[in-house]
Amino acid sequence: METLYDVQQLFKQFGLYIYVGKRIYDIELMAIELQKLFEARLIDRETYFTARGILNREHRIEESREDF
């Protein structure tokens, strides 16, 4: 798992399709749903931390785009 698309594919395995309309909001909602999957023990620790790192990186990128 290396990209936001890969994280979206992870959610797809659980029937989760996240689209709010603004990319930064999508990423924030994905982080919430990822936490819920981890708490429910549907994904392992390694998958959670890998996906969380990707979401954090993408969130920082989107925040830097909004500064302009």
PDB file of N, CA and C in Angstrom:
ATOM      1  N   MET A   1       0.850  -1.163   0.000  1.00  0.00           N
ATOM      2  CA  MET A   1       0.000   0.000   0.000  1.00  0.00           C
ATOM      3  C   MET A   1       0.902   1.234   0.000  1.00  0.00           C
ATOM      4  N   GLU A   2       0.740   2.077  -1.044  1.00  0.00           N
ATOM      5  CA  GLU A   2       1.620   3.238  -1.177  1.00  0.00           C
ATOM      6  C   GLU A   2       0.890   4.540  -1.493  1.00  0.00           C
ATOM      7  N   THR A   3      -0.326   4.451  -2.006  1.00  0.00           N
ATOM      8  CA  THR A   3      -1.014   5.658  -2.457  1.00  0.00           C
ATOM      9  C   THR A   3      -2.410   5.762  -1.847  1.00  0.00           C
ATOM     10  N   LEU A   4      -3.008   6.931  -2.012  1.00  0.00           N
ATOM     11  CA  LEU A   4      -4.371   7.134  -1.542  1.00  0.00           C
ATOM     12  C   LEU A   4      -5.323   6.170  -2.258  1.00  0.00           C
ATOM     13  N   TYR A   5      -5.047   5.904  -3.517  1.00  0.00           N
ATOM     14  CA  TYR A   5      -5.859   4.945  -4.265  1.00  0.00           C
ATOM     15  C   TYR A   5      -5.827   3.568  -3.589  1.00  0.00           C
ATOM     16  N   ASP A   6      -4.670   3.164  -3.109  1.00  0.00           N
ATOM     17  CA  ASP A   6      -4.541   1.876  -2.414  1.00  0.00           C
ATOM     18  C   ASP A   6      -5.388   1.847  -1.143  1.00  0.00           C
ATOM     19  N   VAL A   7      -5.419   2.975  -0.429  1.00  0.00           N
ATOM     20  CA  VAL A   7      -6.252   3.063   0.778  1.00  0.00           C
ATOM     21  C   VAL A   7      -7.727   2.963   0.384  1.00  0.00           C
ATOM     22  N   GLN A   8      -8.105   3.614  -0.713  1.00  0.00           N
ATOM     23  CA  GLN A   8      -9.487   3.526  -1.189  1.00  0.00           C
ATOM     24  C   GLN A   8      -9.849   2.083  -1.537  1.00  0.00           C
ATOM     25  N   GLN A   9      -8.910   1.345  -2.103  1.00  0.00           N
ATOM     26  CA  GLN A   9      -9.157  -0.054  -2.435  1.00  0.00           C
ATOM     27  C   GLN A   9      -9.335  -0.896  -1.173  1.00  0.00           C
ATOM     28  N   LEU A  10      -8.614  -0.553  -0.110  1.00  0.00           N
ATOM     29  CA  LEU A  10      -8.790  -1.223   1.180  1.00  0.00           C
ATOM     30  C   LEU A  10     -10.224  -1.026   1.668  1.00  0.00           C
ATOM     31  N   PHE A  11     -10.712   0.208   1.610  1.00  0.00           N
ATOM     32  CA  PHE A  11     -12.082   0.485   2.033  1.00  0.00           C
ATOM     33  C   PHE A  11     -13.095  -0.259   1.160  1.00  0.00           C
ATOM     34  N   LYS A  12     -12.795  -0.345  -0.106  1.00  0.00           N
ATOM     35  CA  LYS A  12     -13.687  -1.028  -1.048  1.00  0.00           C
ATOM     36  C   LYS A  12     -13.897  -2.493  -0.649  1.00  0.00           C
ATOM     37  N   GLN A  13     -12.878  -3.118  -0.064  1.00  0.00           N
ATOM     38  CA  GLN A  13     -12.988  -4.509   0.391  1.00  0.00           C
ATOM     39  C   GLN A  13     -14.067  -4.661   1.458  1.00  0.00           C
ATOM     40  N   PHE A  14     -14.348  -3.575   2.172  1.00  0.00           N
ATOM     41  CA  PHE A  14     -15.359  -3.586   3.229  1.00  0.00           C
ATOM     42  C   PHE A  14     -16.663  -2.927   2.787  1.00  0.00           C
ATOM     43  N   GLY A  15     -16.758  -2.620   1.491  1.00  0.00           N
ATOM     44  CA  GLY A  15     -17.975  -1.996   0.968  1.00  0.00           C
ATOM     45  C   GLY A  15     -18.087  -0.520   1.300  1.00  0.00           C
ATOM     46  N   LEU A  16     -16.962   0.110   1.604  1.00  0.00           N
ATOM     47  CA  LEU A  16     -16.960   1.534   1.946  1.00  0.00           C
ATOM     48  C   LEU A  16     -16.479   2.350   0.753  1.00  0.00           C
ATOM     49  N   TYR A  17     -17.304   3.272   0.329  1.00  0.00           N
ATOM     50  CA  TYR A  17     -16.958   4.201  -0.743  1.00  0.00           C
ATOM     51  C   TYR A  17     -17.106   5.599  -0.178  1.00  0.00           C
ATOM     52  N   ILE A  18     -16.000   6.310  -0.086  1.00  0.00           N
ATOM     53  CA  ILE A  18     -16.016   7.617   0.559  1.00  0.00           C
ATOM     54  C   ILE A  18     -15.813   8.696  -0.490  1.00  0.00           C
ATOM     55  N   TYR A  19     -16.818   9.566  -0.610  1.00  0.00           N
ATOM     56  CA  TYR A  19     -16.722  10.722  -1.495  1.00  0.00           C
ATOM     57  C   TYR A  19     -17.598  11.821  -0.922  1.00  0.00           C
ATOM     58  N   VAL A  20     -16.957  12.874  -0.442  1.00  0.00           N
ATOM     59  CA  VAL A  20     -17.678  13.999   0.127  1.00  0.00           C
ATOM     60  C   VAL A  20     -17.754  15.128  -0.893  1.00  0.00           C
ATOM     61  N   GLY A  21     -16.742  15.235  -1.732  1.00  0.00           N
ATOM     62  CA  GLY A  21     -16.745  16.252  -2.761  1.00  0.00           C
ATOM     63  C   GLY A  21     -15.494  17.104  -2.756  1.00  0.00           C
ATOM     64  N   LYS A  22     -14.859  17.213  -1.612  1.00  0.00           N
ATOM     65  CA  LYS A  22     -13.603  17.946  -1.503  1.00  0.00           C
ATOM     66  C   LYS A  22     -12.559  16.971  -0.980  1.00  0.00           C
ATOM     67  N   ARG A  23     -11.428  16.905  -1.666  1.00  0.00           N
ATOM     68  CA  ARG A  23     -10.444  15.864  -1.372  1.00  0.00           C
ATOM     69  C   ARG A  23      -9.987  15.855   0.086  1.00  0.00           C
ATOM     70  N   ILE A  24      -9.762  17.014   0.661  1.00  0.00           N
ATOM     71  CA  ILE A  24      -9.282  17.059   2.050  1.00  0.00           C
ATOM     72  C   ILE A  24     -10.334  16.493   3.007  1.00  0.00           C
ATOM     73  N   TYR A  25     -11.608  16.727   2.707  1.00  0.00           N
ATOM     74  CA  TYR A  25     -12.675  16.173   3.550  1.00  0.00           C
ATOM     75  C   TYR A  25     -12.762  14.666   3.378  1.00  0.00           C
ATOM     76  N   ASP A  26     -12.550  14.197   2.154  1.00  0.00           N
ATOM     77  CA  ASP A  26     -12.525  12.754   1.910  1.00  0.00           C
ATOM     78  C   ASP A  26     -11.429  12.090   2.750  1.00  0.00           C
ATOM     79  N   ILE A  27     -10.256  12.704   2.773  1.00  0.00           N
ATOM     80  CA  ILE A  27      -9.123  12.151   3.522  1.00  0.00           C
ATOM     81  C   ILE A  27      -9.431  12.125   5.013  1.00  0.00           C
ATOM     82  N   GLU A  28     -10.037  13.190   5.519  1.00  0.00           N
ATOM     83  CA  GLU A  28     -10.379  13.242   6.944  1.00  0.00           C
ATOM     84  C   GLU A  28     -11.408  12.167   7.311  1.00  0.00           C
ATOM     85  N   LEU A  29     -12.395  11.967   6.450  1.00  0.00           N
ATOM     86  CA  LEU A  29     -13.392  10.933   6.706  1.00  0.00           C
ATOM     87  C   LEU A  29     -12.770   9.540   6.612  1.00  0.00           C
ATOM     88  N   MET A  30     -11.838   9.360   5.679  1.00  0.00           N
ATOM     89  CA  MET A  30     -11.142   8.076   5.572  1.00  0.00           C
ATOM     90  C   MET A  30     -10.367   7.768   6.849  1.00  0.00           C
ATOM     91  N   ALA A  31      -9.754   8.789   7.449  1.00  0.00           N
ATOM     92  CA  ALA A  31      -9.002   8.589   8.689  1.00  0.00           C
ATOM     93  C   ALA A  31      -9.934   8.117   9.805  1.00  0.00           C
ATOM     94  N   ILE A  32     -11.119   8.694   9.876  1.00  0.00           N
ATOM     95  CA  ILE A  32     -12.098   8.290  10.889  1.00  0.00           C
ATOM     96  C   ILE A  32     -12.533   6.842  10.656  1.00  0.00           C
ATOM     97  N   GLU A  33     -12.860   6.514   9.418  1.00  0.00           N
ATOM     98  CA  GLU A  33     -13.313   5.159   9.095  1.00  0.00           C
ATOM     99  C   GLU A  33     -12.194   4.135   9.290  1.00  0.00           C
ATOM    100  N   LEU A  34     -10.964   4.528   8.979  1.00  0.00           N
ATOM    101  CA  LEU A  34      -9.826   3.638   9.179  1.00  0.00           C
ATOM    102  C   LEU A  34      -9.682   3.301  10.665  1.00  0.00           C
ATOM    103  N   GLN A  35      -9.818   4.296  11.513  1.00  0.00           N
ATOM    104  CA  GLN A  35      -9.750   4.085  12.962  1.00  0.00           C
ATOM    105  C   GLN A  35     -10.833   3.105  13.413  1.00  0.00           C
ATOM    106  N   LYS A  36     -12.029   3.252  12.879  1.00  0.00           N
ATOM    107  CA  LYS A  36     -13.140   2.363  13.251  1.00  0.00           C
ATOM    108  C   LYS A  36     -12.860   0.922  12.798  1.00  0.00           C
ATOM    109  N   LEU A  37     -12.298   0.756  11.604  1.00  0.00           N
ATOM    110  CA  LEU A  37     -11.949  -0.591  11.137  1.00  0.00           C
ATOM    111  C   LEU A  37     -10.905  -1.230  12.051  1.00  0.00           C
ATOM    112  N   PHE A  38      -9.936  -0.427  12.475  1.00  0.00           N
ATOM    113  CA  PHE A  38      -8.884  -0.936  13.359  1.00  0.00           C
ATOM    114  C   PHE A  38      -9.453  -1.293  14.728  1.00  0.00           C
ATOM    115  N   GLU A  39     -10.292  -0.428  15.275  1.00  0.00           N
ATOM    116  CA  GLU A  39     -10.889  -0.692  16.586  1.00  0.00           C
ATOM    117  C   GLU A  39     -11.774  -1.936  16.565  1.00  0.00           C
ATOM    118  N   ALA A  40     -12.407  -2.182  15.417  1.00  0.00           N
ATOM    119  CA  ALA A  40     -13.259  -3.359  15.280  1.00  0.00           C
ATOM    120  C   ALA A  40     -12.433  -4.611  14.943  1.00  0.00           C
ATOM    121  N   ARG A  41     -11.121  -4.439  14.877  1.00  0.00           N
ATOM    122  CA  ARG A  41     -10.183  -5.527  14.579  1.00  0.00           C
ATOM    123  C   ARG A  41     -10.437  -6.179  13.224  1.00  0.00           C
ATOM    124  N   LEU A  42     -10.856  -5.350  12.269  1.00  0.00           N
ATOM    125  CA  LEU A  42     -11.064  -5.838  10.912  1.00  0.00           C
ATOM    126  C   LEU A  42      -9.800  -5.710  10.068  1.00  0.00           C
ATOM    127  N   ILE A  43      -8.877  -4.856  10.519  1.00  0.00           N
ATOM    128  CA  ILE A  43      -7.575  -4.738   9.860  1.00  0.00           C
ATOM    129  C   ILE A  43      -6.496  -4.868  10.929  1.00  0.00           C
ATOM    130  N   ASP A  44      -5.330  -5.336  10.504  1.00  0.00           N
ATOM    131  CA  ASP A  44      -4.240  -5.510  11.467  1.00  0.00           C
ATOM    132  C   ASP A  44      -3.482  -4.205  11.700  1.00  0.00           C
ATOM    133  N   ARG A  45      -2.615  -4.243  12.675  1.00  0.00           N
ATOM    134  CA  ARG A  45      -1.871  -3.053  13.103  1.00  0.00           C
ATOM    135  C   ARG A  45      -1.003  -2.487  11.975  1.00  0.00           C
ATOM    136  N   GLU A  46      -0.315  -3.346  11.247  1.00  0.00           N
ATOM    137  CA  GLU A  46       0.561  -2.902  10.167  1.00  0.00           C
ATOM    138  C   GLU A  46      -0.229  -2.192   9.066  1.00  0.00           C
ATOM    139  N   THR A  47      -1.358  -2.773   8.689  1.00  0.00           N
ATOM    140  CA  THR A  47      -2.208  -2.163   7.668  1.00  0.00           C
ATOM    141  C   THR A  47      -2.711  -0.805   8.134  1.00  0.00           C
ATOM    142  N   TYR A  48      -3.116  -0.744   9.402  1.00  0.00           N
ATOM    143  CA  TYR A  48      -3.628   0.512   9.951  1.00  0.00           C
ATOM    144  C   TYR A  48      -2.571   1.603   9.894  1.00  0.00           C
ATOM    145  N   PHE A  49      -1.366   1.319  10.387  1.00  0.00           N
ATOM    146  CA  PHE A  49      -0.336   2.349  10.441  1.00  0.00           C
ATOM    147  C   PHE A  49       0.163   2.742   9.054  1.00  0.00           C
ATOM    148  N   THR A  50       0.219   1.798   8.129  1.00  0.00           N
ATOM    149  CA  THR A  50       0.605   2.121   6.762  1.00  0.00           C
ATOM    150  C   THR A  50      -0.427   3.052   6.134  1.00  0.00           C
ATOM    151  N   ALA A  51      -1.698   2.688   6.246  1.00  0.00           N
ATOM    152  CA  ALA A  51      -2.769   3.502   5.671  1.00  0.00           C
ATOM    153  C   ALA A  51      -2.842   4.862   6.352  1.00  0.00           C
ATOM    154  N   ARG A  52      -2.655   4.889   7.655  1.00  0.00           N
ATOM    155  CA  ARG A  52      -2.711   6.158   8.404  1.00  0.00           C
ATOM    156  C   ARG A  52      -1.589   7.091   7.953  1.00  0.00           C
ATOM    157  N   GLY A  53      -0.407   6.548   7.720  1.00  0.00           N
ATOM    158  CA  GLY A  53       0.712   7.351   7.223  1.00  0.00           C
ATOM    159  C   GLY A  53       0.421   7.949   5.863  1.00  0.00           C
ATOM    160  N   ILE A  54      -0.184   7.165   4.988  1.00  0.00           N
ATOM    161  CA  ILE A  54      -0.556   7.656   3.661  1.00  0.00           C
ATOM    162  C   ILE A  54      -1.576   8.777   3.785  1.00  0.00           C
ATOM    163  N   LEU A  55      -2.584   8.579   4.631  1.00  0.00           N
ATOM    164  CA  LEU A  55      -3.610   9.613   4.812  1.00  0.00           C
ATOM    165  C   LEU A  55      -3.009  10.889   5.404  1.00  0.00           C
ATOM    166  N   ASN A  56      -2.096  10.751   6.353  1.00  0.00           N
ATOM    167  CA  ASN A  56      -1.437  11.933   6.931  1.00  0.00           C
ATOM    168  C   ASN A  56      -0.652  12.695   5.868  1.00  0.00           C
ATOM    169  N   ARG A  57       0.092  11.955   5.044  1.00  0.00           N
ATOM    170  CA  ARG A  57       0.873  12.593   3.981  1.00  0.00           C
ATOM    171  C   ARG A  57      -0.030  13.335   3.001  1.00  0.00           C
ATOM    172  N   GLU A  58      -1.091  12.678   2.566  1.00  0.00           N
ATOM    173  CA  GLU A  58      -2.013  13.296   1.610  1.00  0.00           C
ATOM    174  C   GLU A  58      -2.717  14.507   2.211  1.00  0.00           C
ATOM    175  N   HIS A  59      -3.018  14.439   3.496  1.00  0.00           N
ATOM    176  CA  HIS A  59      -3.670  15.569   4.170  1.00  0.00           C
ATOM    177  C   HIS A  59      -2.730  16.776   4.194  1.00  0.00           C
ATOM    178  N   ARG A  60      -1.455  16.546   4.495  1.00  0.00           N
ATOM    179  CA  ARG A  60      -0.474  17.644   4.483  1.00  0.00           C
ATOM    180  C   ARG A  60      -0.356  18.261   3.094  1.00  0.00           C
ATOM    181  N   ILE A  61      -0.367  17.422   2.061  1.00  0.00           N
ATOM    182  CA  ILE A  61      -0.282  17.915   0.682  1.00  0.00           C
ATOM    183  C   ILE A  61      -1.485  18.801   0.373  1.00  0.00           C
ATOM    184  N   GLU A  62      -2.666  18.344   0.738  1.00  0.00           N
ATOM    185  CA  GLU A  62      -3.867  19.138   0.471  1.00  0.00           C
ATOM    186  C   GLU A  62      -3.880  20.442   1.261  1.00  0.00           C
ATOM    187  N   GLU A  63      -3.401  20.415   2.502  1.00  0.00           N
ATOM    188  CA  GLU A  63      -3.319  21.640   3.292  1.00  0.00           C
ATOM    189  C   GLU A  63      -2.374  22.645   2.645  1.00  0.00           C
ATOM    190  N   SER A  64      -1.267  22.169   2.105  1.00  0.00           N
ATOM    191  CA  SER A  64      -0.307  23.087   1.480  1.00  0.00           C
ATOM    192  C   SER A  64      -0.884  23.680   0.189  1.00  0.00           C
ATOM    193  N   ARG A  65      -1.722  22.952  -0.497  1.00  0.00           N
ATOM    194  CA  ARG A  65      -2.376  23.483  -1.710  1.00  0.00           C
ATOM    195  C   ARG A  65      -3.377  24.578  -1.373  1.00  0.00           C
ATOM    196  N   GLU A  66      -4.023  24.468  -0.234  1.00  0.00           N
ATOM    197  CA  GLU A  66      -5.028  25.457   0.154  1.00  0.00           C
ATOM    198  C   GLU A  66      -4.404  26.758   0.594  1.00  0.00           C
ATOM    199  N   ASP A  67      -3.128  26.750   0.944  1.00  0.00           N
ATOM    200  CA  ASP A  67      -2.471  27.964   1.404  1.00  0.00           C
ATOM    201  C   ASP A  67      -2.308  28.991   0.294  1.00  0.00           C
ATOM    202  N   PHE A  68      -2.409  28.555  -0.956  1.00  0.00           N
ATOM    203  CA  PHE A  68      -2.206  29.482  -2.074  1.00  0.00           C
ATOM    204  C   PHE A  68      -3.442  30.198  -2.416  1.00  0.00           C
TER     205      PHE A  68
END
